Amino acid sequence: MHLRAPAILIAARPHGETAIIARLLTEESGVVAAYVAGGRGRQLRPVVIPGNLVEAEIRAKSDSQLPFARLELAQSRGPWLTEPLPAAAIAWTCALTASALPERNPYPSLYRALAALLDAVCNAPSARGWAPALASYEVLLLRELGYGGAKPEIAGLDEALEILRENEGQIARYLLADTRVDVLAARALLMQRLERMA
């Protein structure tokens, strides 16, 4: 396996003393887990933040081996992690995507939708600008993984919040039922912050 492509870093967990295992969402190859040497070091720490867009070079000698990855930062989401609402939205969407998607199955529409959603979270003047996109992304994720749902027409924040509330049961039942970590805690924090706006 040899792959060089733009990727959205959706999860990173420590491995050994200085490395990380990164989960990367690419347009053509879907989610790819890879070993990043020095990922917790001073140079790469700002690169391996979930939500960041990176240029990834991924190599493996065989399909059964965990690939090695070299990452270069293309677009940072770091500046928005100090803002409570954008930080919660980035954390939730990345955690959901990392937990729900199987590895090495391409989902080009999800890659494009997640990239657009993260851009909206970082560039909209308030959550009113990106909450409808978040609700649509959750519905798209459910639909792409075979759990139905038509694309919703969302007029504003109140409708987006209603759809987000409706999605929670399906997400918990179908997408996160087998996960060992409490991914829904990130969603609960986000919903708490969004509902304060309504």
C-alpha atoms as a PDB file:
ATOM      1  CA  MET A   1       0.000   0.000   0.000  1.00  0.00           C
ATOM      2  CA  HIS A   2       1.242   3.437  -0.935  1.00  0.00           C
ATOM      3  CA  LEU A   3      -1.071   6.395  -0.716  1.00  0.00           C
ATOM      4  CA  ARG A   4      -0.466  10.123  -0.888  1.00  0.00           C
ATOM      5  CA  ALA A   5      -3.592  12.214  -0.468  1.00  0.00           C
ATOM      6  CA  PRO A   6      -5.214  15.033   1.462  1.00  0.00           C
ATOM      7  CA  ALA A   7      -6.851  13.672   4.614  1.00  0.00           C
ATOM      8  CA  ILE A   8      -8.855  14.884   7.576  1.00  0.00           C
ATOM      9  CA  LEU A   9      -7.341  13.726  10.839  1.00  0.00           C
ATOM     10  CA  ILE A  10     -10.345  12.389  12.787  1.00  0.00           C
ATOM     11  CA  ALA A  11      -8.634  10.731  15.771  1.00  0.00           C
ATOM     12  CA  ALA A  12      -5.218  10.362  17.357  1.00  0.00           C
ATOM     13  CA  ARG A  13      -4.288   8.183  20.302  1.00  0.00           C
ATOM     14  CA  PRO A  14      -0.894   7.783  21.991  1.00  0.00           C
ATOM     15  CA  HIS A  15       1.241   4.774  21.155  1.00  0.00           C
ATOM     16  CA  GLY A  16       4.461   4.065  23.010  1.00  0.00           C
ATOM     17  CA  GLU A  17       6.528   6.974  24.269  1.00  0.00           C
ATOM     18  CA  THR A  18       6.349   9.429  21.386  1.00  0.00           C
ATOM     19  CA  ALA A  19       4.215   7.998  18.591  1.00  0.00           C
ATOM     20  CA  ILE A  20       0.499   8.105  17.844  1.00  0.00           C
ATOM     21  CA  ILE A  21      -1.973   5.992  15.918  1.00  0.00           C
ATOM     22  CA  ALA A  22      -3.830   8.408  13.654  1.00  0.00           C
ATOM     23  CA  ARG A  23      -7.150   7.734  11.969  1.00  0.00           C
ATOM     24  CA  LEU A  24      -7.324   9.641   8.714  1.00  0.00           C
ATOM     25  CA  LEU A  25     -10.346  10.113   6.452  1.00  0.00           C
ATOM     26  CA  THR A  26      -9.356  10.259   2.789  1.00  0.00           C
ATOM     27  CA  GLU A  27     -11.666  10.758  -0.176  1.00  0.00           C
ATOM     28  CA  GLU A  28     -10.550   7.723  -2.190  1.00  0.00           C
ATOM     29  CA  SER A  29      -9.578   5.202   0.511  1.00  0.00           C
ATOM     30  CA  GLY A  30     -11.932   6.084   3.360  1.00  0.00           C
ATOM     31  CA  VAL A  31     -10.647   5.793   6.931  1.00  0.00           C
ATOM     32  CA  VAL A  32      -7.046   4.637   7.248  1.00  0.00           C
ATOM     33  CA  ALA A  33      -5.329   4.008  10.587  1.00  0.00           C
ATOM     34  CA  ALA A  34      -1.590   4.655  10.539  1.00  0.00           C
ATOM     35  CA  TYR A  35       1.408   4.847  12.864  1.00  0.00           C
ATOM     36  CA  VAL A  36       2.925   8.325  13.069  1.00  0.00           C
ATOM     37  CA  ALA A  37       6.438   8.309  14.557  1.00  0.00           C
ATOM     38  CA  GLY A  38       7.074  11.319  16.786  1.00  0.00           C
ATOM     39  CA  GLY A  39       3.400  12.297  16.736  1.00  0.00           C
ATOM     40  CA  ARG A  40       3.561  13.529  20.338  1.00  0.00           C
ATOM     41  CA  GLY A  41       6.760  15.455  19.762  1.00  0.00           C
ATOM     42  CA  ARG A  42       7.036  19.228  19.649  1.00  0.00           C
ATOM     43  CA  GLN A  43       7.035  19.432  15.840  1.00  0.00           C
ATOM     44  CA  LEU A  44       4.036  17.203  15.133  1.00  0.00           C
ATOM     45  CA  ARG A  45       1.851  17.982  18.170  1.00  0.00           C
ATOM     46  CA  PRO A  46       0.136  20.935  16.408  1.00  0.00           C
ATOM     47  CA  VAL A  47      -0.381  18.775  13.289  1.00  0.00           C
ATOM     48  CA  VAL A  48      -2.121  15.803  14.938  1.00  0.00           C
ATOM     49  CA  ILE A  49      -5.172  17.707  16.201  1.00  0.00           C
ATOM     50  CA  PRO A  50      -8.501  16.118  15.197  1.00  0.00           C
ATOM     51  CA  GLY A  51     -10.155  18.235  12.535  1.00  0.00           C
ATOM     52  CA  ASN A  52      -6.909  19.295  10.870  1.00  0.00           C
ATOM     53  CA  LEU A  53      -6.545  18.841   7.134  1.00  0.00           C
ATOM     54  CA  VAL A  54      -3.211  17.172   6.363  1.00  0.00           C
ATOM     55  CA  GLU A  55      -1.233  15.938   3.383  1.00  0.00           C
ATOM     56  CA  ALA A  56      -0.670  12.288   4.241  1.00  0.00           C
ATOM     57  CA  GLU A  57       1.842   9.883   2.808  1.00  0.00           C
ATOM     58  CA  ILE A  58       0.887   6.399   3.951  1.00  0.00           C
ATOM     59  CA  ARG A  59       2.979   3.284   3.295  1.00  0.00           C
ATOM     60  CA  ALA A  60       2.667  -0.373   4.268  1.00  0.00           C
ATOM     61  CA  LYS A  61       4.592  -3.410   3.091  1.00  0.00           C
ATOM     62  CA  SER A  62       1.475  -5.599   3.222  1.00  0.00           C
ATOM     63  CA  ASP A  63      -2.258  -5.184   3.756  1.00  0.00           C
ATOM     64  CA  SER A  64      -2.054  -6.936   7.135  1.00  0.00           C
ATOM     65  CA  GLN A  65       0.543  -4.466   8.485  1.00  0.00           C
ATOM     66  CA  LEU A  66      -0.337  -1.198  10.217  1.00  0.00           C
ATOM     67  CA  PRO A  67       0.813   1.476   7.757  1.00  0.00           C
ATOM     68  CA  PHE A  68       3.313   4.206   8.592  1.00  0.00           C
ATOM     69  CA  ALA A  69       2.287   7.792   7.831  1.00  0.00           C
ATOM     70  CA  ARG A  70       4.086  11.074   7.356  1.00  0.00           C
ATOM     71  CA  LEU A  71       1.851  14.083   7.843  1.00  0.00           C
ATOM     72  CA  GLU A  72       2.185  17.690   6.707  1.00  0.00           C
ATOM     73  CA  LEU A  73      -0.252  20.301   7.923  1.00  0.00           C
ATOM     74  CA  ALA A  74      -2.445  21.755   5.167  1.00  0.00           C
ATOM     75  CA  GLN A  75      -5.073  23.556   7.271  1.00  0.00           C
ATOM     76  CA  SER A  76      -5.196  23.908  11.048  1.00  0.00           C
ATOM     77  CA  ARG A  77      -8.328  23.903  13.196  1.00  0.00           C
ATOM     78  CA  GLY A  78      -6.212  24.731  16.260  1.00  0.00           C
ATOM     79  CA  PRO A  79      -7.246  28.400  16.560  1.00  0.00           C
ATOM     80  CA  TRP A  80     -10.909  27.397  17.005  1.00  0.00           C
ATOM     81  CA  LEU A  81     -10.217  24.964  19.839  1.00  0.00           C
ATOM     82  CA  THR A  82     -10.195  27.860  22.314  1.00  0.00           C
ATOM     83  CA  GLU A  83     -13.796  28.753  21.380  1.00  0.00           C
ATOM     84  CA  PRO A  84     -16.286  26.546  23.283  1.00  0.00           C
ATOM     85  CA  LEU A  85     -18.890  25.978  20.542  1.00  0.00           C
ATOM     86  CA  PRO A  86     -16.556  25.395  17.569  1.00  0.00           C
ATOM     87  CA  ALA A  87     -14.316  23.181  19.731  1.00  0.00           C
ATOM     88  CA  ALA A  88     -17.291  21.056  20.793  1.00  0.00           C
ATOM     89  CA  ALA A  89     -18.530  20.767  17.183  1.00  0.00           C
ATOM     90  CA  ILE A  90     -15.099  19.739  15.879  1.00  0.00           C
ATOM     91  CA  ALA A  91     -14.654  17.208  18.704  1.00  0.00           C
ATOM     92  CA  TRP A  92     -18.096  15.659  18.138  1.00  0.00           C
ATOM     93  CA  THR A  93     -17.950  15.378  14.352  1.00  0.00           C
ATOM     94  CA  CYS A  94     -14.452  13.893  14.376  1.00  0.00           C
ATOM     95  CA  ALA A  95     -15.251  11.436  17.199  1.00  0.00           C
ATOM     96  CA  LEU A  96     -18.485  10.355  15.501  1.00  0.00           C
ATOM     97  CA  THR A  97     -16.789   9.856  12.135  1.00  0.00           C
ATOM     98  CA  ALA A  98     -13.846   7.962  13.652  1.00  0.00           C
ATOM     99  CA  SER A  99     -16.149   5.674  15.645  1.00  0.00           C
ATOM    100  CA  ALA A 100     -18.803   5.018  13.003  1.00  0.00           C
ATOM    101  CA  LEU A 101     -16.910   4.483   9.744  1.00  0.00           C
ATOM    102  CA  PRO A 102     -15.282   1.153   8.925  1.00  0.00           C
ATOM    103  CA  GLU A 103     -11.694   1.240   7.700  1.00  0.00           C
ATOM    104  CA  ARG A 104     -10.724   1.349   4.042  1.00  0.00           C
ATOM    105  CA  ASN A 105     -14.228   1.788   2.644  1.00  0.00           C
ATOM    106  CA  PRO A 106     -14.418   4.933   0.524  1.00  0.00           C
ATOM    107  CA  TYR A 107     -17.153   7.443   1.332  1.00  0.00           C
ATOM    108  CA  PRO A 108     -16.333  10.411  -0.945  1.00  0.00           C
ATOM    109  CA  SER A 109     -19.556  12.245  -0.125  1.00  0.00           C
ATOM    110  CA  LEU A 110     -18.832  11.995   3.623  1.00  0.00           C
ATOM    111  CA  TYR A 111     -15.270  13.241   3.105  1.00  0.00           C
ATOM    112  CA  ARG A 112     -16.520  16.285   1.189  1.00  0.00           C
ATOM    113  CA  ALA A 113     -19.366  16.909   3.655  1.00  0.00           C
ATOM    114  CA  LEU A 114     -17.053  16.704   6.681  1.00  0.00           C
ATOM    115  CA  ALA A 115     -14.529  19.048   5.055  1.00  0.00           C
ATOM    116  CA  ALA A 116     -17.307  21.546   4.278  1.00  0.00           C
ATOM    117  CA  LEU A 117     -18.774  21.233   7.779  1.00  0.00           C
ATOM    118  CA  LEU A 118     -15.399  21.863   9.444  1.00  0.00           C
ATOM    119  CA  ASP A 119     -14.864  24.884   7.184  1.00  0.00           C
ATOM    120  CA  ALA A 120     -18.312  26.196   8.138  1.00  0.00           C
ATOM    121  CA  VAL A 121     -17.642  25.700  11.859  1.00  0.00           C
ATOM    122  CA  CYS A 122     -14.405  27.657  11.556  1.00  0.00           C
ATOM    123  CA  ASN A 123     -15.640  30.439   9.267  1.00  0.00           C
ATOM    124  CA  ALA A 124     -19.286  31.128  10.158  1.00  0.00           C
ATOM    125  CA  PRO A 125     -19.784  34.095  12.477  1.00  0.00           C
ATOM    126  CA  SER A 126     -21.909  31.973  14.855  1.00  0.00           C
ATOM    127  CA  ALA A 127     -23.343  28.485  15.322  1.00  0.00           C
ATOM    128  CA  ARG A 128     -26.494  29.615  13.507  1.00  0.00           C
ATOM    129  CA  GLY A 129     -24.407  29.410  10.333  1.00  0.00           C
ATOM    130  CA  TRP A 130     -23.173  25.840  10.822  1.00  0.00           C
ATOM    131  CA  ALA A 131     -25.760  24.036  12.995  1.00  0.00           C
ATOM    132  CA  PRO A 132     -27.923  23.151   9.928  1.00  0.00           C
ATOM    133  CA  ALA A 133     -24.825  21.690   8.224  1.00  0.00           C
ATOM    134  CA  LEU A 134     -24.090  19.618  11.333  1.00  0.00           C
ATOM    135  CA  ALA A 135     -27.629  18.194  11.376  1.00  0.00           C
ATOM    136  CA  SER A 136     -27.385  17.411   7.639  1.00  0.00           C
ATOM    137  CA  TYR A 137     -23.995  15.713   8.159  1.00  0.00           C
ATOM    138  CA  GLU A 138     -25.409  13.401  10.832  1.00  0.00           C
ATOM    139  CA  VAL A 139     -28.314  12.442   8.536  1.00  0.00           C
ATOM    140  CA  LEU A 140     -25.889  11.865   5.632  1.00  0.00           C
ATOM    141  CA  LEU A 141     -23.694   9.645   7.814  1.00  0.00           C
ATOM    142  CA  LEU A 142     -26.703   7.565   8.870  1.00  0.00           C
ATOM    143  CA  ARG A 143     -27.845   7.310   5.232  1.00  0.00           C
ATOM    144  CA  GLU A 144     -24.398   6.353   3.874  1.00  0.00           C
ATOM    145  CA  LEU A 145     -24.127   3.562   6.441  1.00  0.00           C
ATOM    146  CA  GLY A 146     -27.534   2.159   5.475  1.00  0.00           C
ATOM    147  CA  TYR A 147     -29.856   3.576   8.119  1.00  0.00           C
ATOM    148  CA  GLY A 148     -32.034   5.681   5.787  1.00  0.00           C
ATOM    149  CA  GLY A 149     -33.099   9.256   6.147  1.00  0.00           C
ATOM    150  CA  ALA A 150     -33.754  11.854   3.484  1.00  0.00           C
ATOM    151  CA  LYS A 151     -31.771  15.056   3.301  1.00  0.00           C
ATOM    152  CA  PRO A 152     -33.578  17.499   5.593  1.00  0.00           C
ATOM    153  CA  GLU A 153     -34.635  21.004   4.635  1.00  0.00           C
ATOM    154  CA  ILE A 154     -33.456  23.170   7.507  1.00  0.00           C
ATOM    155  CA  ALA A 155     -34.524  26.810   7.765  1.00  0.00           C
ATOM    156  CA  GLY A 156     -32.758  27.852  10.955  1.00  0.00           C
ATOM    157  CA  LEU A 157     -31.267  26.990  14.314  1.00  0.00           C
ATOM    158  CA  ASP A 158     -34.509  25.732  15.895  1.00  0.00           C
ATOM    159  CA  GLU A 159     -35.118  23.229  13.083  1.00  0.00           C
ATOM    160  CA  ALA A 160     -31.470  22.160  13.182  1.00  0.00           C
ATOM    161  CA  LEU A 161     -31.707  21.518  16.935  1.00  0.00           C
ATOM    162  CA  GLU A 162     -34.872  19.462  16.457  1.00  0.00           C
ATOM    163  CA  ILE A 163     -33.200  17.271  13.820  1.00  0.00           C
ATOM    164  CA  LEU A 164     -30.101  16.914  16.012  1.00  0.00           C
ATOM    165  CA  ARG A 165     -32.317  15.729  18.891  1.00  0.00           C
ATOM    166  CA  GLU A 166     -34.074  13.228  16.583  1.00  0.00           C
ATOM    167  CA  ASN A 167     -30.728  11.895  15.294  1.00  0.00           C
ATOM    168  CA  GLU A 168     -29.352  11.078  18.750  1.00  0.00           C
ATOM    169  CA  GLY A 169     -31.336   7.852  19.244  1.00  0.00           C
ATOM    170  CA  GLN A 170     -30.410   6.458  15.834  1.00  0.00           C
ATOM    171  CA  ILE A 171     -26.753   7.415  16.249  1.00  0.00           C
ATOM    172  CA  ALA A 172     -26.578   5.751  19.675  1.00  0.00           C
ATOM    173  CA  ARG A 173     -28.459   2.637  18.532  1.00  0.00           C
ATOM    174  CA  TYR A 174     -26.920   2.057  15.104  1.00  0.00           C
ATOM    175  CA  LEU A 175     -23.576   3.818  14.843  1.00  0.00           C
ATOM    176  CA  LEU A 176     -22.149   3.778  18.363  1.00  0.00           C
ATOM    177  CA  ALA A 177     -23.675   0.658  19.937  1.00  0.00           C
ATOM    178  CA  ASP A 178     -20.426  -1.321  19.731  1.00  0.00           C
ATOM    179  CA  THR A 179     -17.989   1.368  20.852  1.00  0.00           C
ATOM    180  CA  ARG A 180     -16.271   1.021  24.210  1.00  0.00           C
ATOM    181  CA  VAL A 181     -15.666   4.738  24.724  1.00  0.00           C
ATOM    182  CA  ASP A 182     -18.374   7.258  25.520  1.00  0.00           C
ATOM    183  CA  VAL A 183     -18.447   9.176  22.242  1.00  0.00           C
ATOM    184  CA  LEU A 184     -21.891  10.595  23.036  1.00  0.00           C
ATOM    185  CA  ALA A 185     -20.395  12.672  25.870  1.00  0.00           C
ATOM    186  CA  ALA A 186     -18.906  14.972  23.202  1.00  0.00           C
ATOM    187  CA  ARG A 187     -22.363  15.280  21.631  1.00  0.00           C
ATOM    188  CA  ALA A 188     -24.020  16.015  24.991  1.00  0.00           C
ATOM    189  CA  LEU A 189     -21.572  18.877  25.590  1.00  0.00           C
ATOM    190  CA  LEU A 190     -22.197  20.285  22.114  1.00  0.00           C
ATOM    191  CA  MET A 191     -25.991  20.066  22.459  1.00  0.00           C
ATOM    192  CA  GLN A 192     -25.840  21.758  25.864  1.00  0.00           C
ATOM    193  CA  ARG A 193     -23.943  24.671  24.341  1.00  0.00           C
ATOM    194  CA  LEU A 194     -26.168  24.899  21.264  1.00  0.00           C
ATOM    195  CA  GLU A 195     -29.396  24.859  23.278  1.00  0.00           C
ATOM    196  CA  ARG A 196     -28.217  27.857  25.284  1.00  0.00           C
ATOM    197  CA  MET A 197     -28.419  29.837  22.028  1.00  0.00           C
ATOM    198  CA  ALA A 198     -32.044  28.898  21.260  1.00  0.00           C
END
